[in-house]
Amino acid sequence: MNIEESPRRPREDHPRRDPPATGLLGSHCRALAFGLGLKGPQVAQFESIARGLYKLYLECDASLVEINR
């Protein structure tokens, strides 16, 4: 399906600004996952994805990452 043909949903942003000294904690990932409405095994899968994005952020000095669903 083309993105322009998909049903429109209201934009949902879930910004997090956690202290950089702590790094990305499991509790941060779970809070984001639950905020996105994920349940069960999806939460663990999301944590894996979030940790990969965080690693990308650190290694490539990325200031913004956008995930489109």
N, C-alpha and C. Protein backbone atom coordinates (compact mmCIF):
# COMPACT_ATOMS: atom_id res chain seq x y z
N MET A 1 0.84 -1.17 0.00
CA MET A 1 0.00 0.00 0.00
C MET A 1 0.89 1.24 0.00
N ASN A 2 0.53 2.17 -0.81
CA ASN A 2 1.24 3.44 -0.88
C ASN A 2 0.88 4.27 0.35
N ILE A 3 1.84 4.96 0.93
CA ILE A 3 1.60 5.74 2.14
C ILE A 3 0.52 6.78 1.94
N GLU A 4 0.43 7.34 0.75
CA GLU A 4 -0.60 8.34 0.48
C GLU A 4 -2.00 7.74 0.45
N GLU A 5 -2.10 6.43 0.23
CA GLU A 5 -3.39 5.76 0.17
C GLU A 5 -3.82 5.20 1.53
N SER A 6 -2.93 5.19 2.49
CA SER A 6 -3.26 4.61 3.78
C SER A 6 -4.17 5.56 4.57
N PRO A 7 -4.99 4.97 5.45
CA PRO A 7 -5.86 5.83 6.26
C PRO A 7 -5.03 6.76 7.14
N ARG A 8 -5.43 7.98 7.25
CA ARG A 8 -4.70 8.96 8.06
C ARG A 8 -5.04 8.76 9.54
N ARG A 9 -4.00 8.83 10.35
CA ARG A 9 -4.17 8.78 11.80
C ARG A 9 -3.59 10.06 12.37
N PRO A 10 -4.10 10.51 13.51
CA PRO A 10 -3.49 11.68 14.12
C PRO A 10 -2.04 11.37 14.49
N ARG A 11 -1.18 12.35 14.33
CA ARG A 11 0.23 12.17 14.65
C ARG A 11 0.39 11.97 16.16
N GLU A 12 1.18 10.98 16.51
CA GLU A 12 1.44 10.69 17.91
C GLU A 12 2.94 10.74 18.13
N ASP A 13 3.38 11.74 18.86
CA ASP A 13 4.79 11.83 19.21
C ASP A 13 4.97 11.33 20.64
N HIS A 14 6.06 10.63 20.86
CA HIS A 14 6.40 10.13 22.19
C HIS A 14 7.83 10.54 22.51
N PRO A 15 8.05 11.85 22.68
CA PRO A 15 9.42 12.27 22.95
C PRO A 15 9.90 11.85 24.33
N ARG A 16 11.17 11.51 24.42
CA ARG A 16 11.79 11.18 25.71
C ARG A 16 13.07 11.98 25.80
N ARG A 17 13.29 12.55 26.94
CA ARG A 17 14.55 13.26 27.18
C ARG A 17 15.09 12.79 28.51
N ASP A 18 15.79 11.67 28.48
CA ASP A 18 16.35 11.10 29.69
C ASP A 18 17.78 11.59 29.88
N PRO A 19 18.24 11.61 31.10
CA PRO A 19 19.60 12.07 31.34
C PRO A 19 20.62 11.24 30.56
N PRO A 20 21.51 11.88 29.80
CA PRO A 20 22.47 11.13 28.99
C PRO A 20 23.40 10.25 29.83
N ALA A 21 23.61 10.62 31.07
CA ALA A 21 24.54 9.84 31.91
C ALA A 21 24.03 8.44 32.18
N THR A 22 22.71 8.24 32.15
CA THR A 22 22.16 6.92 32.44
C THR A 22 22.17 6.00 31.23
N GLY A 23 22.25 6.57 30.05
CA GLY A 23 22.12 5.75 28.85
C GLY A 23 20.67 5.33 28.68
N LEU A 24 20.43 4.41 27.79
CA LEU A 24 19.07 3.92 27.54
C LEU A 24 18.81 2.72 28.44
N LEU A 25 17.90 2.88 29.35
CA LEU A 25 17.58 1.81 30.30
C LEU A 25 16.37 1.02 29.82
N GLY A 26 16.25 -0.19 30.32
CA GLY A 26 15.10 -1.02 30.00
C GLY A 26 13.79 -0.35 30.36
N SER A 27 13.78 0.39 31.47
CA SER A 27 12.55 1.07 31.88
C SER A 27 12.16 2.15 30.88
N HIS A 28 13.15 2.81 30.26
CA HIS A 28 12.86 3.80 29.22
C HIS A 28 12.20 3.12 28.02
N CYS A 29 12.77 1.99 27.62
CA CYS A 29 12.24 1.26 26.46
C CYS A 29 10.82 0.79 26.73
N ARG A 30 10.58 0.26 27.93
CA ARG A 30 9.23 -0.23 28.27
C ARG A 30 8.22 0.91 28.29
N ALA A 31 8.63 2.06 28.85
CA ALA A 31 7.71 3.20 28.89
C ALA A 31 7.33 3.64 27.48
N LEU A 32 8.30 3.68 26.58
CA LEU A 32 8.01 4.03 25.19
C LEU A 32 7.11 2.98 24.54
N ALA A 33 7.44 1.71 24.75
CA ALA A 33 6.67 0.61 24.15
C ALA A 33 5.22 0.66 24.61
N PHE A 34 5.00 0.85 25.91
CA PHE A 34 3.64 0.91 26.42
C PHE A 34 2.93 2.15 25.89
N GLY A 35 3.66 3.26 25.75
CA GLY A 35 3.08 4.47 25.19
C GLY A 35 2.63 4.29 23.75
N LEU A 36 3.30 3.39 23.04
CA LEU A 36 2.93 3.08 21.66
C LEU A 36 1.84 2.01 21.58
N GLY A 37 1.45 1.48 22.73
CA GLY A 37 0.39 0.47 22.74
C GLY A 37 0.88 -0.94 22.47
N LEU A 38 2.17 -1.17 22.61
CA LEU A 38 2.71 -2.51 22.36
C LEU A 38 2.45 -3.40 23.57
N LYS A 39 2.33 -4.71 23.31
CA LYS A 39 2.05 -5.67 24.37
C LYS A 39 2.83 -6.95 24.15
N GLY A 40 3.02 -7.68 25.23
CA GLY A 40 3.65 -9.00 25.16
C GLY A 40 5.01 -8.98 24.51
N PRO A 41 5.24 -9.91 23.55
CA PRO A 41 6.56 -10.04 22.93
C PRO A 41 6.97 -8.80 22.14
N GLN A 42 6.01 -7.98 21.76
CA GLN A 42 6.33 -6.76 21.02
C GLN A 42 7.18 -5.82 21.86
N VAL A 43 6.99 -5.83 23.18
CA VAL A 43 7.75 -4.94 24.06
C VAL A 43 9.24 -5.30 24.00
N ALA A 44 9.55 -6.58 24.08
CA ALA A 44 10.95 -7.02 24.00
C ALA A 44 11.54 -6.73 22.62
N GLN A 45 10.74 -6.95 21.58
CA GLN A 45 11.22 -6.64 20.23
C GLN A 45 11.49 -5.15 20.07
N PHE A 46 10.61 -4.33 20.64
CA PHE A 46 10.81 -2.89 20.58
C PHE A 46 12.07 -2.49 21.32
N GLU A 47 12.33 -3.11 22.47
CA GLU A 47 13.54 -2.76 23.23
C GLU A 47 14.79 -3.04 22.40
N SER A 48 14.79 -4.14 21.67
CA SER A 48 15.92 -4.46 20.80
C SER A 48 16.09 -3.38 19.72
N ILE A 49 15.00 -2.97 19.12
CA ILE A 49 15.05 -1.93 18.10
C ILE A 49 15.50 -0.60 18.70
N ALA A 50 14.95 -0.24 19.86
CA ALA A 50 15.31 1.02 20.50
C ALA A 50 16.78 1.05 20.88
N ARG A 51 17.30 -0.06 21.37
CA ARG A 51 18.73 -0.11 21.72
C ARG A 51 19.60 0.03 20.47
N GLY A 52 19.16 -0.56 19.36
CA GLY A 52 19.89 -0.39 18.10
C GLY A 52 19.87 1.05 17.63
N LEU A 53 18.73 1.71 17.76
CA LEU A 53 18.63 3.12 17.37
C LEU A 53 19.49 3.99 18.29
N TYR A 54 19.52 3.66 19.56
CA TYR A 54 20.35 4.42 20.50
C TYR A 54 21.83 4.27 20.16
N LYS A 55 22.21 3.06 19.80
CA LYS A 55 23.60 2.82 19.39
C LYS A 55 23.92 3.63 18.13
N LEU A 56 23.00 3.66 17.18
CA LEU A 56 23.16 4.46 15.97
C LEU A 56 23.31 5.94 16.33
N TYR A 57 22.48 6.39 17.25
CA TYR A 57 22.52 7.78 17.71
C TYR A 57 23.91 8.11 18.25
N LEU A 58 24.47 7.24 19.08
CA LEU A 58 25.77 7.50 19.68
C LEU A 58 26.91 7.41 18.66
N GLU A 59 26.87 6.40 17.82
CA GLU A 59 27.98 6.16 16.90
C GLU A 59 28.00 7.13 15.72
N CYS A 60 26.84 7.60 15.30
CA CYS A 60 26.76 8.47 14.12
C CYS A 60 26.42 9.91 14.46
N ASP A 61 26.34 10.21 15.74
CA ASP A 61 26.01 11.56 16.20
C ASP A 61 24.70 12.04 15.59
N ALA A 62 23.74 11.13 15.53
CA ALA A 62 22.43 11.48 14.99
C ALA A 62 21.65 12.26 16.04
N SER A 63 21.11 13.39 15.66
CA SER A 63 20.35 14.19 16.62
C SER A 63 18.86 13.91 16.56
N LEU A 64 18.41 13.20 15.51
CA LEU A 64 17.00 12.92 15.35
C LEU A 64 16.82 11.60 14.63
N VAL A 65 15.92 10.79 15.14
CA VAL A 65 15.55 9.54 14.49
C VAL A 65 14.04 9.53 14.40
N GLU A 66 13.50 9.29 13.23
CA GLU A 66 12.05 9.24 13.06
C GLU A 66 11.66 7.84 12.63
N ILE A 67 10.64 7.33 13.27
CA ILE A 67 10.12 6.00 12.94
C ILE A 67 8.71 6.19 12.42
N ASN A 68 8.47 5.77 11.21
CA ASN A 68 7.13 5.85 10.62
C ASN A 68 6.53 4.46 10.65
N ARG A 69 5.31 4.41 11.10
CA ARG A 69 4.66 3.09 11.14
C ARG A 69 3.52 3.03 10.19
